[in-house]
Every structure is written in C-alpha cells, then in structure tokens.
Amino acid sequence: MRILKGKVIYGSGILEGKVVVSRRPISFLGDIDGRKGTLKINNEEISIHNKILIIPYSVGSTVGPYVMYQLYKYGKRPKAILTVRADTLLIIGSVIAEIALITDLPEDILNISRDSYVKIDLNSGEVYILQE
C-alpha cells in the first residue's frame, strides 16, 4: 500500500473505489460526455460514473463546469477527482457538481493502473493506493 498526500479542495469524509486514469490533461467539453458519464481516451469510452477520476489537470473553456454539472444532473458523476494541479474552472465545477476534489498530488499518481483501488481521506488529503 502506498500513501500520497494532497490538498483537499472540496469534500469531507472517506471515499473509496476503482480509478480511471488519464495521463494526459482532459477537456471536460471535448473528452467527457456529461449525459453518459464517460471519458474518451484513445477512441475508447470509459465510464467514470462512481469511479475515482485521476488526471494531471484540466484544459478548456468555461463550459467545463457546465459539463461537470451535467454529470451531477444525470447521476453520472465520479466519486472524486484527484489531480496534480487544479485550476479555477475545475474547482468551480467540482463544487457545483458536488464532486470531491484533491489537488497538489505528486505526478506519480498518474502511473497507477486503470483498475487500481484507492481509499481517500477527504479530511487529511491522504490517498491510499490499496490495489495496483
């Protein structure tokens, strides 16, 4: 088991689940389908519903928070987003969509495998990688 430490931006309590990892930055407008709760990676659509989404950072326009709100509205949001760097739009989107957000994580979080299992302590900012 590895433990990584980040900064909690939104959320409290303990969450756990399988991860979906994008090693490249994502655009919520272009890469996420807010109605289906999927992420496009290399022409493959992967469900992020009830998963822990791990990204380096987000890119794109001010429409990103709206797409995140769609995830909330259609019941398809991830449990949490773990990121190396969060910008204002990712923070706003997380709050309005009620998606837990931890930032300032070390870049090696991007190296865990797609179906790893993690536990997140949103009170301390600790991410426990239970299964890799």
N, C-alpha and C. Protein backbone atom coordinates (compact mmCIF):
# COMPACT_ATOMS: atom_id res chain seq x y z
N MET A 1 0.85 -1.19 0.00
CA MET A 1 0.00 0.00 0.00
C MET A 1 0.89 1.24 0.00
N ARG A 2 0.54 2.18 -0.87
CA ARG A 2 1.23 3.48 -0.89
C ARG A 2 0.27 4.54 -0.40
N ILE A 3 0.82 5.59 0.20
CA ILE A 3 0.02 6.72 0.65
C ILE A 3 0.58 7.98 0.01
N LEU A 4 -0.31 8.73 -0.66
CA LEU A 4 0.06 10.01 -1.26
C LEU A 4 -0.73 11.10 -0.55
N LYS A 5 -0.16 12.28 -0.50
CA LYS A 5 -0.80 13.39 0.23
C LYS A 5 -1.04 14.54 -0.72
N GLY A 6 -2.25 15.08 -0.68
CA GLY A 6 -2.61 16.24 -1.48
C GLY A 6 -3.38 17.24 -0.64
N LYS A 7 -3.95 18.22 -1.33
CA LYS A 7 -4.71 19.29 -0.68
C LYS A 7 -6.19 19.12 -1.03
N VAL A 8 -7.02 19.01 -0.01
CA VAL A 8 -8.46 18.86 -0.23
C VAL A 8 -9.05 20.22 -0.60
N ILE A 9 -9.73 20.26 -1.74
CA ILE A 9 -10.42 21.47 -2.18
C ILE A 9 -11.90 21.39 -1.85
N TYR A 10 -12.49 20.22 -2.06
CA TYR A 10 -13.93 20.05 -1.82
C TYR A 10 -14.20 18.63 -1.33
N GLY A 11 -15.05 18.51 -0.35
CA GLY A 11 -15.49 17.22 0.15
C GLY A 11 -15.01 16.95 1.56
N SER A 12 -15.65 15.97 2.17
CA SER A 12 -15.24 15.53 3.51
C SER A 12 -15.60 14.06 3.65
N GLY A 13 -14.99 13.42 4.63
CA GLY A 13 -15.28 12.02 4.87
C GLY A 13 -14.29 11.10 4.19
N ILE A 14 -14.70 9.85 4.02
CA ILE A 14 -13.87 8.81 3.43
C ILE A 14 -14.59 8.27 2.20
N LEU A 15 -13.86 8.15 1.09
CA LEU A 15 -14.38 7.55 -0.14
C LEU A 15 -13.43 6.46 -0.58
N GLU A 16 -13.94 5.49 -1.30
CA GLU A 16 -13.07 4.50 -1.91
C GLU A 16 -13.70 3.98 -3.18
N GLY A 17 -12.85 3.47 -4.07
CA GLY A 17 -13.35 2.93 -5.31
C GLY A 17 -12.27 2.68 -6.32
N LYS A 18 -12.69 2.14 -7.47
CA LYS A 18 -11.79 1.90 -8.59
C LYS A 18 -11.48 3.22 -9.28
N VAL A 19 -10.31 3.27 -9.90
CA VAL A 19 -9.88 4.51 -10.55
C VAL A 19 -9.99 4.41 -12.06
N VAL A 20 -10.12 5.58 -12.67
CA VAL A 20 -9.94 5.77 -14.10
C VAL A 20 -8.85 6.82 -14.22
N VAL A 21 -7.78 6.50 -14.95
CA VAL A 21 -6.63 7.39 -15.04
C VAL A 21 -6.48 7.90 -16.47
N SER A 22 -6.36 9.22 -16.60
CA SER A 22 -5.97 9.83 -17.86
C SER A 22 -4.59 10.44 -17.63
N ARG A 23 -3.61 9.99 -18.37
CA ARG A 23 -2.26 10.52 -18.20
C ARG A 23 -2.06 11.84 -18.94
N ARG A 24 -3.04 12.20 -19.73
CA ARG A 24 -2.97 13.49 -20.42
C ARG A 24 -4.07 14.40 -19.86
N PRO A 25 -3.88 15.71 -19.95
CA PRO A 25 -4.92 16.64 -19.48
C PRO A 25 -6.23 16.39 -20.21
N ILE A 26 -7.34 16.62 -19.55
CA ILE A 26 -8.64 16.42 -20.20
C ILE A 26 -9.38 17.74 -20.33
N SER A 27 -10.18 17.79 -21.38
CA SER A 27 -11.12 18.89 -21.59
C SER A 27 -12.50 18.34 -21.26
N PHE A 28 -13.16 18.94 -20.28
CA PHE A 28 -14.49 18.44 -19.93
C PHE A 28 -15.46 18.61 -21.10
N LEU A 29 -15.28 19.65 -21.90
CA LEU A 29 -16.16 19.85 -23.05
C LEU A 29 -15.92 18.80 -24.13
N GLY A 30 -14.69 18.46 -24.43
CA GLY A 30 -14.40 17.55 -25.53
C GLY A 30 -14.21 16.10 -25.15
N ASP A 31 -13.79 15.83 -23.93
CA ASP A 31 -13.43 14.47 -23.54
C ASP A 31 -14.47 13.78 -22.65
N ILE A 32 -15.37 14.53 -22.06
CA ILE A 32 -16.36 13.96 -21.13
C ILE A 32 -17.75 14.09 -21.73
N ASP A 33 -18.52 13.01 -21.69
CA ASP A 33 -19.93 13.06 -22.05
C ASP A 33 -20.72 13.15 -20.75
N GLY A 34 -21.27 14.32 -20.48
CA GLY A 34 -21.97 14.58 -19.23
C GLY A 34 -23.26 13.79 -19.05
N ARG A 35 -23.88 13.40 -20.14
CA ARG A 35 -25.12 12.62 -20.04
C ARG A 35 -24.85 11.14 -19.79
N LYS A 36 -23.77 10.63 -20.39
CA LYS A 36 -23.45 9.21 -20.25
C LYS A 36 -22.45 8.93 -19.13
N GLY A 37 -21.72 9.96 -18.69
CA GLY A 37 -20.71 9.74 -17.66
C GLY A 37 -19.52 8.97 -18.16
N THR A 38 -19.07 9.32 -19.37
CA THR A 38 -17.93 8.63 -19.95
C THR A 38 -16.81 9.60 -20.30
N LEU A 39 -15.60 9.05 -20.33
CA LEU A 39 -14.39 9.77 -20.71
C LEU A 39 -13.82 9.11 -21.94
N LYS A 40 -13.47 9.91 -22.95
CA LYS A 40 -12.85 9.37 -24.16
C LYS A 40 -11.34 9.37 -23.97
N ILE A 41 -10.75 8.17 -24.05
CA ILE A 41 -9.30 8.01 -24.02
C ILE A 41 -8.92 7.11 -25.19
N ASN A 42 -8.13 7.64 -26.12
CA ASN A 42 -7.67 6.86 -27.28
C ASN A 42 -8.83 6.17 -28.00
N ASN A 43 -9.85 6.93 -28.34
CA ASN A 43 -11.03 6.44 -29.06
C ASN A 43 -11.83 5.39 -28.29
N GLU A 44 -11.62 5.28 -27.00
CA GLU A 44 -12.37 4.36 -26.16
C GLU A 44 -13.17 5.18 -25.16
N GLU A 45 -14.44 4.83 -24.97
CA GLU A 45 -15.27 5.50 -23.96
C GLU A 45 -15.24 4.68 -22.69
N ILE A 46 -14.80 5.31 -21.61
CA ILE A 46 -14.66 4.63 -20.32
C ILE A 46 -15.60 5.30 -19.32
N SER A 47 -16.37 4.51 -18.62
CA SER A 47 -17.29 5.05 -17.62
C SER A 47 -16.50 5.64 -16.45
N ILE A 48 -16.90 6.85 -16.04
CA ILE A 48 -16.32 7.46 -14.84
C ILE A 48 -17.36 7.50 -13.71
N HIS A 49 -18.54 7.00 -13.99
CA HIS A 49 -19.63 7.00 -13.00
C HIS A 49 -19.23 6.20 -11.77
N ASN A 50 -19.28 6.85 -10.61
CA ASN A 50 -18.94 6.23 -9.32
C ASN A 50 -17.49 5.74 -9.23
N LYS A 51 -16.62 6.28 -10.08
CA LYS A 51 -15.20 5.93 -10.05
C LYS A 51 -14.43 7.11 -9.47
N ILE A 52 -13.15 6.91 -9.26
CA ILE A 52 -12.23 7.96 -8.84
C ILE A 52 -11.46 8.36 -10.09
N LEU A 53 -11.68 9.58 -10.57
CA LEU A 53 -11.04 10.06 -11.80
C LEU A 53 -9.71 10.72 -11.44
N ILE A 54 -8.64 10.25 -12.07
CA ILE A 54 -7.30 10.79 -11.83
C ILE A 54 -6.80 11.44 -13.11
N ILE A 55 -6.44 12.73 -13.01
CA ILE A 55 -5.98 13.50 -14.17
C ILE A 55 -4.79 14.37 -13.75
N PRO A 56 -3.93 14.73 -14.73
CA PRO A 56 -2.87 15.68 -14.38
C PRO A 56 -3.45 17.07 -14.10
N TYR A 57 -4.32 17.52 -15.00
CA TYR A 57 -5.02 18.80 -14.86
C TYR A 57 -6.06 18.88 -15.97
N SER A 58 -6.92 19.88 -15.92
CA SER A 58 -7.93 20.05 -16.96
C SER A 58 -7.57 21.24 -17.84
N VAL A 59 -8.07 21.19 -19.06
CA VAL A 59 -7.88 22.28 -20.02
C VAL A 59 -9.24 22.59 -20.62
N GLY A 60 -9.33 23.74 -21.25
CA GLY A 60 -10.56 24.04 -21.96
C GLY A 60 -11.22 25.31 -21.51
N SER A 61 -12.45 25.42 -21.90
CA SER A 61 -13.18 26.68 -21.77
C SER A 61 -14.04 26.72 -20.52
N THR A 62 -14.77 27.80 -20.41
CA THR A 62 -15.68 28.00 -19.27
C THR A 62 -16.89 27.07 -19.32
N VAL A 63 -17.03 26.29 -20.37
CA VAL A 63 -18.13 25.33 -20.45
C VAL A 63 -17.84 24.09 -19.58
N GLY A 64 -16.59 23.89 -19.21
CA GLY A 64 -16.20 22.72 -18.40
C GLY A 64 -17.05 22.52 -17.16
N PRO A 65 -17.27 23.56 -16.33
CA PRO A 65 -18.11 23.37 -15.15
C PRO A 65 -19.55 22.96 -15.49
N TYR A 66 -20.06 23.43 -16.63
CA TYR A 66 -21.41 23.03 -17.04
C TYR A 66 -21.45 21.53 -17.34
N VAL A 67 -20.42 21.02 -18.02
CA VAL A 67 -20.36 19.58 -18.30
C VAL A 67 -20.28 18.80 -16.99
N MET A 68 -19.53 19.32 -16.03
CA MET A 68 -19.46 18.67 -14.72
C MET A 68 -20.83 18.69 -14.04
N TYR A 69 -21.57 19.78 -14.21
CA TYR A 69 -22.92 19.85 -13.66
C TYR A 69 -23.83 18.83 -14.34
N GLN A 70 -23.64 18.61 -15.65
CA GLN A 70 -24.41 17.58 -16.35
C GLN A 70 -24.18 16.21 -15.70
N LEU A 71 -22.94 15.91 -15.35
CA LEU A 71 -22.64 14.65 -14.68
C LEU A 71 -23.48 14.51 -13.41
N TYR A 72 -23.60 15.60 -12.68
CA TYR A 72 -24.41 15.63 -11.45
C TYR A 72 -25.90 15.45 -11.79
N LYS A 73 -26.38 16.23 -12.74
CA LYS A 73 -27.80 16.24 -13.10
C LYS A 73 -28.28 14.86 -13.58
N TYR A 74 -27.44 14.17 -14.35
CA TYR A 74 -27.83 12.88 -14.89
C TYR A 74 -27.38 11.70 -14.02
N GLY A 75 -26.86 12.00 -12.83
CA GLY A 75 -26.46 10.93 -11.91
C GLY A 75 -25.29 10.12 -12.40
N LYS A 76 -24.36 10.74 -13.12
CA LYS A 76 -23.24 10.02 -13.73
C LYS A 76 -21.88 10.52 -13.26
N ARG A 77 -21.84 11.27 -12.18
CA ARG A 77 -20.59 11.88 -11.74
C ARG A 77 -19.65 10.86 -11.10
N PRO A 78 -18.35 11.17 -11.16
CA PRO A 78 -17.40 10.33 -10.43
C PRO A 78 -17.51 10.61 -8.94
N LYS A 79 -17.00 9.70 -8.13
CA LYS A 79 -16.98 9.92 -6.68
C LYS A 79 -16.04 11.06 -6.32
N ALA A 80 -14.92 11.13 -7.04
CA ALA A 80 -13.90 12.14 -6.73
C ALA A 80 -13.02 12.36 -7.94
N ILE A 81 -12.36 13.50 -7.94
CA ILE A 81 -11.31 13.80 -8.92
C ILE A 81 -10.03 14.04 -8.13
N LEU A 82 -8.99 13.33 -8.53
CA LEU A 82 -7.66 13.52 -7.96
C LEU A 82 -6.78 14.11 -9.05
N THR A 83 -6.07 15.18 -8.74
CA THR A 83 -5.32 15.88 -9.77
C THR A 83 -3.98 16.39 -9.25
N VAL A 84 -3.07 16.57 -10.18
CA VAL A 84 -1.78 17.16 -9.86
C VAL A 84 -1.93 18.67 -9.69
N ARG A 85 -2.79 19.25 -10.52
CA ARG A 85 -2.98 20.71 -10.49
C ARG A 85 -4.43 21.04 -10.83
N ALA A 86 -5.06 21.88 -10.02
CA ALA A 86 -6.46 22.28 -10.26
C ALA A 86 -6.51 23.76 -10.61
N ASP A 87 -7.25 24.07 -11.66
CA ASP A 87 -7.47 25.48 -12.00
C ASP A 87 -8.84 25.91 -11.45
N THR A 88 -9.14 27.17 -11.61
CA THR A 88 -10.38 27.72 -11.07
C THR A 88 -11.61 27.02 -11.63
N LEU A 89 -11.61 26.70 -12.92
CA LEU A 89 -12.79 26.07 -13.53
C LEU A 89 -13.02 24.66 -13.00
N LEU A 90 -11.95 23.92 -12.77
CA LEU A 90 -12.10 22.58 -12.20
C LEU A 90 -12.64 22.67 -10.77
N ILE A 91 -12.17 23.65 -10.03
CA ILE A 91 -12.65 23.84 -8.66
C ILE A 91 -14.13 24.21 -8.65
N ILE A 92 -14.51 25.17 -9.48
CA ILE A 92 -15.92 25.59 -9.56
C ILE A 92 -16.80 24.42 -9.98
N GLY A 93 -16.38 23.69 -11.01
CA GLY A 93 -17.15 22.54 -11.48
C GLY A 93 -17.33 21.48 -10.41
N SER A 94 -16.27 21.23 -9.66
CA SER A 94 -16.36 20.23 -8.59
C SER A 94 -17.36 20.64 -7.52
N VAL A 95 -17.36 21.91 -7.17
CA VAL A 95 -18.28 22.39 -6.14
C VAL A 95 -19.72 22.32 -6.61
N ILE A 96 -20.01 22.83 -7.82
CA ILE A 96 -21.41 22.83 -8.27
C ILE A 96 -21.92 21.42 -8.57
N ALA A 97 -21.02 20.51 -8.95
CA ALA A 97 -21.42 19.13 -9.23
C ALA A 97 -21.28 18.22 -8.01
N GLU A 98 -20.81 18.80 -6.90
CA GLU A 98 -20.61 18.05 -5.66
C GLU A 98 -19.73 16.82 -5.87
N ILE A 99 -18.59 17.05 -6.53
CA ILE A 99 -17.59 16.02 -6.77
C ILE A 99 -16.39 16.33 -5.88
N ALA A 100 -16.02 15.40 -5.02
CA ALA A 100 -14.85 15.60 -4.16
C ALA A 100 -13.62 15.88 -5.02
N LEU A 101 -12.76 16.78 -4.54
CA LEU A 101 -11.58 17.17 -5.31
C LEU A 101 -10.36 17.28 -4.40
N ILE A 102 -9.30 16.57 -4.78
CA ILE A 102 -8.00 16.71 -4.12
C ILE A 102 -6.99 17.10 -5.19
N THR A 103 -6.19 18.13 -4.91
CA THR A 103 -5.18 18.61 -5.84
C THR A 103 -3.80 18.55 -5.18
N ASP A 104 -2.81 19.01 -5.92
CA ASP A 104 -1.42 19.06 -5.45
C ASP A 104 -0.88 17.67 -5.10
N LEU A 105 -1.35 16.66 -5.81
CA LEU A 105 -0.83 15.31 -5.61
C LEU A 105 0.45 15.13 -6.43
N PRO A 106 1.35 14.26 -6.01
CA PRO A 106 2.57 14.04 -6.80
C PRO A 106 2.23 13.41 -8.15
N GLU A 107 3.05 13.73 -9.16
CA GLU A 107 2.78 13.25 -10.52
C GLU A 107 2.77 11.73 -10.64
N ASP A 108 3.42 11.02 -9.73
CA ASP A 108 3.44 9.57 -9.86
C ASP A 108 2.07 8.94 -9.63
N ILE A 109 1.09 9.72 -9.18
CA ILE A 109 -0.28 9.18 -9.09
C ILE A 109 -0.80 8.81 -10.48
N LEU A 110 -0.26 9.45 -11.51
CA LEU A 110 -0.69 9.17 -12.88
C LEU A 110 -0.19 7.82 -13.38
N ASN A 111 0.73 7.21 -12.66
CA ASN A 111 1.33 5.95 -13.09
C ASN A 111 0.61 4.72 -12.56
N ILE A 112 -0.42 4.90 -11.73
CA ILE A 112 -1.12 3.71 -11.25
C ILE A 112 -1.99 3.15 -12.37
N SER A 113 -2.25 1.86 -12.31
CA SER A 113 -3.00 1.22 -13.39
C SER A 113 -4.48 1.59 -13.33
N ARG A 114 -5.13 1.42 -14.44
CA ARG A 114 -6.51 1.86 -14.64
C ARG A 114 -7.48 1.29 -13.61
N ASP A 115 -7.35 0.05 -13.26
CA ASP A 115 -8.32 -0.58 -12.35
C ASP A 115 -7.81 -0.68 -10.92
N SER A 116 -6.88 0.18 -10.56
CA SER A 116 -6.41 0.21 -9.17
C SER A 116 -7.57 0.60 -8.26
N TYR A 117 -7.42 0.29 -6.99
CA TYR A 117 -8.44 0.59 -6.00
C TYR A 117 -7.82 1.50 -4.95
N VAL A 118 -8.49 2.63 -4.67
CA VAL A 118 -7.95 3.60 -3.72
C VAL A 118 -8.97 3.94 -2.65
N LYS A 119 -8.45 4.39 -1.53
CA LYS A 119 -9.26 4.93 -0.44
C LYS A 119 -8.78 6.36 -0.23
N ILE A 120 -9.72 7.29 -0.09
CA ILE A 120 -9.41 8.71 0.03
C ILE A 120 -9.93 9.23 1.36
N ASP A 121 -9.05 9.88 2.09
CA ASP A 121 -9.45 10.55 3.33
C ASP A 121 -9.56 12.04 3.01
N LEU A 122 -10.78 12.52 2.86
CA LEU A 122 -11.00 13.92 2.49
C LEU A 122 -10.84 14.87 3.67
N ASN A 123 -10.57 14.34 4.83
CA ASN A 123 -10.28 15.19 5.98
C ASN A 123 -8.80 15.53 6.05
N SER A 124 -7.95 14.59 5.62
CA SER A 124 -6.50 14.79 5.70
C SER A 124 -5.84 15.00 4.35
N GLY A 125 -6.53 14.66 3.25
CA GLY A 125 -5.93 14.75 1.92
C GLY A 125 -5.08 13.55 1.55
N GLU A 126 -5.18 12.48 2.33
CA GLU A 126 -4.38 11.29 2.05
C GLU A 126 -5.12 10.36 1.09
N VAL A 127 -4.35 9.83 0.14
CA VAL A 127 -4.87 8.87 -0.83
C VAL A 127 -4.11 7.57 -0.61
N TYR A 128 -4.84 6.52 -0.26
CA TYR A 128 -4.25 5.22 -0.01
C TYR A 128 -4.46 4.36 -1.25
N ILE A 129 -3.37 3.96 -1.88
CA ILE A 129 -3.47 3.09 -3.05
C ILE A 129 -3.43 1.66 -2.51
N LEU A 130 -4.61 1.04 -2.47
CA LEU A 130 -4.76 -0.26 -1.83
C LEU A 130 -4.43 -1.41 -2.76
N GLN A 131 -4.74 -1.22 -4.04
CA GLN A 131 -4.51 -2.29 -5.02
C GLN A 131 -4.04 -1.65 -6.31
N GLU A 132 -2.88 -2.11 -6.81
CA GLU A 132 -2.35 -1.57 -8.07
C GLU A 132 -2.29 -2.65 -9.11
